[in-house]
Protein backbone atom coordinates (compact mmCIF):
# COMPACT_ATOMS: atom_id res chain seq x y z
CA MET A 1 -0.05 0.06 0.51
CA ARG A 2 0.80 3.47 -0.47
CA ALA A 3 0.62 6.67 0.94
CA VAL A 4 1.00 10.08 1.22
CA VAL A 5 1.54 11.59 4.85
CA PHE A 6 0.55 15.35 6.23
CA ALA A 7 2.43 15.42 9.40
CA TYR A 8 3.78 17.79 11.93
CA HIS A 9 4.76 17.88 16.23
CA ASN A 10 5.63 14.98 17.72
CA VAL A 11 2.21 12.77 17.07
CA GLY A 12 3.39 13.29 13.25
CA ALA A 13 6.87 12.04 13.96
CA ARG A 14 5.27 8.74 15.96
CA ALA A 15 2.55 8.02 13.69
CA LEU A 16 4.85 7.69 10.76
CA ARG A 17 7.76 5.53 12.27
CA THR A 18 3.95 3.40 12.94
CA LEU A 19 3.43 3.97 9.54
CA LEU A 20 7.05 2.79 8.22
CA ALA A 21 7.22 -0.19 11.55
CA GLY A 22 3.90 -1.43 9.71
CA GLY A 23 5.21 -1.69 6.07
CA MET A 24 3.21 1.06 4.93
CA GLN A 25 4.88 2.54 1.90
CA VAL A 26 5.35 6.46 2.65
CA ASP A 27 6.23 8.17 -0.73
CA LEU A 28 6.01 11.42 -0.36
CA VAL A 29 5.66 14.04 3.46
CA LEU A 30 4.45 16.65 3.96
CA THR A 31 4.90 18.87 6.47
CA HIS A 32 5.69 23.04 7.76
CA PRO A 33 9.00 25.08 8.12
CA ASP A 34 8.86 25.60 11.53
CA ASP A 35 8.20 29.41 13.25
CA PRO A 36 10.63 31.07 14.66
CA GLY A 37 8.35 33.02 17.19
CA GLU A 38 7.30 29.30 18.75
CA THR A 39 8.72 27.41 21.11
CA ILE A 40 10.00 24.33 19.29
CA TRP A 41 9.98 21.33 22.10
CA PHE A 42 8.28 18.87 20.12
CA GLU A 43 10.07 16.29 17.59
CA SER A 44 10.39 16.77 13.61
CA VAL A 45 8.48 15.73 11.10
CA ALA A 46 10.98 16.24 8.48
CA ALA A 47 13.88 14.96 10.01
CA VAL A 48 11.96 11.22 10.67
CA ALA A 49 11.52 11.27 6.84
CA ALA A 50 14.96 12.35 6.37
CA GLU A 51 16.31 8.96 8.27
CA HIS A 52 13.79 6.96 6.08
CA GLY A 53 15.11 8.69 2.52
CA ILE A 54 11.33 9.97 1.65
CA PRO A 55 11.10 13.01 -0.28
CA VAL A 56 9.84 16.21 1.76
CA ALA A 57 7.86 19.18 0.94
CA LEU A 58 7.78 21.80 2.95
CA VAL A 59 3.76 23.76 2.97
CA ASP A 60 3.14 27.23 4.96
CA LEU A 61 -0.51 28.31 4.28
CA SER A 62 -2.00 26.15 1.89
CA VAL A 63 -1.03 23.24 -0.19
CA PRO A 64 0.00 24.74 -3.71
CA PRO A 65 -1.98 23.70 -6.82
CA GLU A 66 2.07 22.07 -7.82
CA LEU A 67 1.86 20.16 -4.63
CA GLN A 68 -1.34 18.38 -4.73
CA ALA A 69 -0.33 17.85 -8.10
CA ARG A 70 2.41 15.92 -6.83
CA VAL A 71 0.46 14.74 -4.84
CA ALA A 72 -2.45 13.03 -7.04
CA ALA A 73 0.15 12.08 -9.92
CA ILE A 74 1.52 9.26 -6.47
CA HIS A 75 -2.10 7.62 -7.08
CA PRO A 76 -1.63 6.69 -3.06
CA ASP A 77 -3.77 4.25 -0.93
CA TYR A 78 -4.02 6.79 1.31
CA LEU A 79 -3.28 10.28 2.43
CA PHE A 80 -2.94 10.59 6.29
CA SER A 81 -2.64 13.93 8.08
CA PHE A 82 -1.14 13.87 11.97
CA TYR A 83 -1.39 16.90 13.89
CA PHE A 84 -0.88 18.72 10.17
CA ARG A 85 -2.02 22.17 11.49
CA ARG A 86 -3.90 22.95 7.74
CA MET A 87 -7.08 21.38 6.82
CA LEU A 88 -6.96 19.81 3.46
CA PRO A 89 -9.37 20.55 0.39
CA PRO A 90 -11.63 18.03 -0.94
CA ALA A 91 -9.73 17.93 -4.02
CA LEU A 92 -6.98 16.33 -2.41
CA LEU A 93 -9.01 14.11 -0.23
CA ALA A 94 -10.31 12.61 -3.45
CA THR A 95 -6.80 11.48 -4.29
CA ALA A 96 -7.22 9.00 -2.05
CA ARG A 97 -8.05 5.24 -4.25
CA ILE A 98 -9.34 3.88 -1.06
CA ALA A 99 -9.24 7.14 2.33
CA ALA A 100 -7.97 9.73 3.82
CA LEU A 101 -7.54 9.94 6.96
CA ASN A 102 -6.59 12.41 9.94
CA MET A 103 -5.29 12.08 13.60
CA HIS A 104 -7.45 13.90 15.97
CA GLY A 105 -6.11 14.12 20.18
CA SER A 106 -9.54 13.77 21.59
CA LEU A 107 -11.60 10.88 21.61
CA LEU A 108 -14.37 12.26 19.35
CA PRO A 109 -16.99 13.88 18.83
CA LYS A 110 -15.96 15.13 22.11
CA TYR A 111 -13.49 18.08 21.16
CA ARG A 112 -13.30 18.80 17.59
CA GLY A 113 -11.60 21.08 16.47
CA ARG A 114 -8.29 23.42 17.65
CA VAL A 115 -6.00 22.44 20.64
CA PRO A 116 -7.54 19.45 22.32
CA VAL A 117 -5.23 18.62 25.09
CA ASN A 118 -5.45 21.69 26.40
CA TRP A 119 -9.20 22.42 26.44
CA ALA A 120 -9.98 19.03 27.89
CA VAL A 121 -7.36 20.29 30.79
CA LEU A 122 -9.04 22.93 31.17
CA HIS A 123 -12.57 21.27 31.45
CA GLY A 124 -11.19 18.96 34.20
CA GLU A 125 -12.03 15.76 32.17
CA ARG A 126 -10.48 12.84 33.22
CA GLU A 127 -10.22 10.89 30.18
CA THR A 128 -8.83 12.41 26.47
CA GLY A 129 -7.72 9.94 23.80
CA ALA A 130 -6.67 10.08 20.24
CA THR A 131 -9.19 8.85 17.25
CA LEU A 132 -7.99 8.05 13.49
CA HIS A 133 -11.08 9.59 11.53
CA VAL A 134 -11.90 9.45 7.58
CA MET A 135 -11.76 12.93 6.75
CA GLU A 136 -14.70 15.03 5.20
CA ALA A 137 -14.02 18.65 4.37
CA LYS A 138 -15.80 20.10 7.47
CA PRO A 139 -13.00 18.91 10.40
CA ASP A 140 -12.86 16.21 12.46
CA ALA A 141 -16.94 15.26 11.24
CA GLY A 142 -15.50 11.82 9.66
CA ASP A 143 -16.48 8.22 10.40
CA ILE A 144 -13.86 6.90 13.45
CA VAL A 145 -11.31 3.96 12.42
CA ALA A 146 -9.68 3.21 15.40
CA GLN A 147 -9.60 4.84 19.04
CA GLN A 148 -7.66 5.18 21.94
CA ALA A 149 -8.35 6.29 25.59
CA VAL A 150 -5.62 7.92 28.35
CA PRO A 151 -6.59 8.90 31.94
CA ILE A 152 -6.01 12.54 33.13
CA LEU A 153 -4.67 12.65 36.04
CA PRO A 154 -5.80 15.26 38.67
CA ASP A 155 -2.53 16.55 39.02
CA ASP A 156 -1.17 15.93 34.49
CA THR A 157 -0.77 19.57 32.50
CA ALA A 158 -1.95 19.61 29.19
CA LYS A 159 1.79 18.46 28.02
CA ASP A 160 1.83 15.24 30.14
CA VAL A 161 -1.39 14.58 28.09
CA PHE A 162 -0.10 15.38 25.32
CA ASP A 163 2.73 12.78 25.94
CA LYS A 164 0.62 10.35 26.69
CA VAL A 165 -2.27 11.15 23.33
CA THR A 166 1.22 10.69 21.90
CA VAL A 167 1.36 7.03 22.71
CA ALA A 168 -2.60 6.15 22.60
CA ALA A 169 -2.31 8.10 18.35
CA GLU A 170 0.36 5.33 17.83
CA ILE A 171 -1.41 2.30 19.54
CA ALA A 172 -4.61 3.55 17.95
CA LEU A 173 -3.20 3.75 14.15
CA TRP A 174 -0.65 0.29 15.13
CA SER A 175 -4.21 -1.88 15.82
CA VAL A 176 -6.18 -1.10 12.67
CA LEU A 177 -3.17 -0.85 10.27
CA PRO A 178 -3.03 -4.32 9.41
CA GLN A 179 -6.63 -3.50 8.46
CA LEU A 180 -5.49 -0.96 6.59
CA MET A 181 -2.66 -3.19 4.90
CA ARG A 182 -5.31 -5.29 3.43
CA GLY A 183 -7.34 -2.17 1.89
CA GLN A 184 -9.66 -2.42 4.59
CA LEU A 185 -11.01 0.06 6.50
CA PRO A 186 -13.34 -0.53 9.90
CA ARG A 187 -15.32 1.94 10.10
CA ARG A 188 -18.47 3.65 12.33
CA PRO A 189 -20.44 6.44 12.79
CA ASN A 190 -18.83 9.41 14.28
CA PRO A 191 -22.42 10.85 16.76
CA LEU A 192 -21.47 14.60 15.99
CA ALA A 193 -24.44 16.14 18.72
CA GLN A 194 -23.06 14.18 21.23
CA GLY A 195 -19.93 16.55 21.18
CA SER A 196 -18.59 20.54 20.68
CA TYR A 197 -16.55 22.72 18.65
CA PHE A 198 -13.71 24.36 20.33
CA GLY A 199 -11.94 26.88 18.46
CA GLY A 200 -8.16 28.39 18.80
CA ARG A 201 -6.17 29.40 22.63
CA LYS A 202 -4.37 33.08 22.31
CA PRO A 203 -1.41 33.80 25.27
CA GLU A 204 -4.07 36.07 26.66
CA ASP A 205 -6.59 33.59 27.83
CA GLY A 206 -4.57 32.68 30.07
CA ARG A 207 -4.97 34.99 32.44
CA LEU A 208 -5.62 34.44 36.03
CA ASP A 209 -9.05 36.49 37.58
CA TRP A 210 -8.91 35.41 41.29
CA THR A 211 -12.38 35.45 41.59
CA ARG A 212 -12.66 32.44 39.77
CA PRO A 213 -13.13 29.31 41.71
CA ALA A 214 -9.77 27.38 42.74
CA ALA A 215 -10.23 24.11 40.82
CA GLU A 216 -11.21 26.09 37.72
CA LEU A 217 -7.99 28.35 38.16
CA TYR A 218 -5.98 25.51 38.40
CA ASN A 219 -7.24 23.70 35.28
CA LEU A 220 -6.20 27.09 33.61
CA ILE A 221 -2.49 26.84 35.27
CA ARG A 222 -2.64 22.68 34.29
CA ALA A 223 -3.99 23.22 30.38
CA VAL A 224 -1.24 26.01 29.44
CA ALA A 225 2.02 25.76 31.73
CA PRO A 226 4.73 25.34 29.74
CA PRO A 227 5.82 24.40 27.45
CA TYR A 228 2.08 26.25 25.91
CA PRO A 229 2.44 30.22 27.23
CA GLY A 230 0.83 29.90 30.56
CA ALA A 231 -1.47 31.64 33.19
CA PHE A 232 -0.42 34.35 34.38
CA PHE A 233 -1.39 37.82 36.33
CA GLU A 234 0.23 41.06 36.84
CA SER A 235 1.86 42.29 40.24
CA GLY A 236 3.76 45.34 41.34
CA GLY A 237 3.22 45.78 37.13
CA ARG A 238 5.27 43.08 36.32
CA ARG A 239 3.70 40.17 34.26
CA LEU A 240 3.97 37.38 35.92
CA VAL A 241 3.47 33.51 34.90
CA VAL A 242 2.51 30.59 36.84
CA ALA A 243 4.71 27.87 35.69
CA ARG A 244 3.89 24.90 38.12
CA ALA A 245 1.26 25.23 40.94
CA ARG A 246 -0.89 23.16 42.83
CA LEU A 247 -4.26 23.01 45.43
CA ALA A 248 -2.86 23.37 48.76
CA ARG A 249 -3.24 20.79 50.87
CA PRO A 250 -5.16 21.61 53.74
CA GLU A 251 -2.01 22.33 56.04
CA ILE A 252 -1.05 24.23 53.52
CA ALA A 253 -4.39 26.53 52.89
CA ALA A 254 -4.51 26.87 56.45
CA LEU A 255 -1.15 28.85 56.12
CA LEU A 256 -3.35 31.62 55.36
CA SER A 257 -4.65 34.20 57.03
CA GLU A 258 -8.74 34.00 56.65
CA SER A 259 -8.52 38.13 56.59
CA CYS A 260 -6.74 37.68 53.40
CA GLY A 261 -8.52 38.98 50.36
CA LEU A 262 -8.11 37.57 46.57
CA GLY A 263 -5.31 37.37 45.20
CA LEU A 264 -1.42 36.58 45.65
CA HIS A 265 0.16 36.32 49.58
CA ALA A 266 3.34 35.12 51.51
CA ALA A 267 2.83 32.78 54.08
CA ALA A 268 5.60 30.93 56.60
CA GLY A 269 7.70 31.88 52.94
CA LYS A 270 5.52 30.09 50.77
CA LEU A 271 3.18 31.73 47.79
CA LEU A 272 -0.67 31.47 48.02
CA ALA A 273 -3.67 32.67 46.13
CA ARG A 274 -7.14 32.97 47.53
CA ALA A 275 -9.63 32.36 44.80
CA GLY A 276 -12.85 33.49 44.34
CA ASP A 277 -14.41 30.33 46.74
CA GLY A 278 -12.24 30.61 49.45
CA GLY A 279 -9.66 27.76 47.82
CA VAL A 280 -5.93 28.44 48.01
CA ILE A 281 -3.59 27.31 45.11
CA HIS A 282 -0.01 27.07 46.62
CA ILE A 283 2.21 28.83 43.36
CA LEU A 284 5.32 26.67 43.51
CA GLU A 285 7.48 28.21 40.27
CA LEU A 286 7.16 30.89 38.85
CA TRP A 287 8.30 33.32 36.54
CA ASP A 288 9.03 36.71 34.89
CA ALA A 289 7.34 37.02 31.57
CA GLY A 290 10.33 38.96 30.13
CA PHE A 291 12.60 36.33 31.42
CA PRO A 292 10.95 33.11 30.53
CA GLY A 293 12.51 29.58 31.40
CA THR A 294 13.57 31.27 34.48
CA PRO A 295 11.96 30.79 38.01
CA LEU A 296 12.11 33.62 40.40
CA SER A 297 15.43 33.03 42.60
CA PRO A 298 15.11 32.17 46.59
CA GLN A 299 15.79 36.12 46.85
CA GLN A 300 13.39 37.37 44.15
CA VAL A 301 10.28 35.58 45.89
CA SER A 302 11.37 36.97 48.69
CA GLU A 303 11.26 40.99 47.34
CA LEU A 304 7.82 39.81 45.93
CA ALA A 305 7.05 38.54 49.02
CA ALA A 306 7.50 41.75 50.66
CA HIS A 307 5.24 43.61 48.77
CA LEU A 308 2.75 42.32 48.91
CA PRO A 309 -0.54 42.15 51.40
C-alpha cells in the first residue's frame, strides 16, 4: 500500500514511524516549516522522513496547486494527516484511492477543532485520547476508524496529557494498520451531536482572574503550563507566569489567614493565592514573563513577597 503523509509535531513523527514499521510505503511527506516565533519542544517530522529517505515538501499556509498535482501523480491508496495544521481541500482528499485519514487528539466526537488536549484539561476532564477518522470537508466530522483512551490525572498538565495522547495515537494507528494494509477500512459513525467544536486559544486567554473558583483556576494553570505560554497575572507592574502550582493541601491552605483577600499572598515562606470560592492555590514556580523559562530566585520571591499584603 502506498501513502502520502501530511504531518507535524510529536504525533506526526510517531505516527509516521508507525506506518513505516507496519510496512506502509510512504512516497512523500508534507510538513510545516518551524515558526521562529514558536517554542519548538517537539520532534521534527522532516528529520524522521530524512532518516528513511522519504522526499519532503514544506507547506506553510495552504497546499499549493503544484504540490496537489504531485500528490495526485503518486496515486496513493491513503492520505494520512497527523497533526498537520492546515485543512486539506476536497480535491486533494479525493486523490486517495481507499481513504484519507486524520489523527485527532481527543475521543471524538468530543473536543473537535483546535488544541483539544488543552481544552480537555481546562474543563477538568478525567479522560481523553486519540481518534483516527475519515477526513471530510468539515473538520473532525468523518467516521471513526480507531480510538484509544488515556486517563487525565488530577495534577497532569497539558504537556503530560499530550505525551499520553501521542502514545495513544500510535496505539490506535497500530491496532488498525493490518486491516488498512489489506485495503479494509473499519468505520463507525461519529455522532457529532454528542460533542462540541472548540476554537484555538491565544496567550491572553491564560490570564488568571482570582474571583474564579480555585479548581477552575488550577485547571487553567495546568492547561497552559509550559511549554505552552502559561497562566499569568500582574503584580507590582510585572506580568508573572505561574509555571507550576497545586491546589493547596489543607495544612498549606491553613497558613493563609481568613482575613486575606483574593489574589497573591505570602505566608510562612510560601506563595499562596486566594480564589473566589475561598480555595487556595499553592504556587510552586513563578516566572517573570520577560524572562520565560527562568524561575524567580528565592531572593526575587522574597522581594516579591515583601510587597504583598
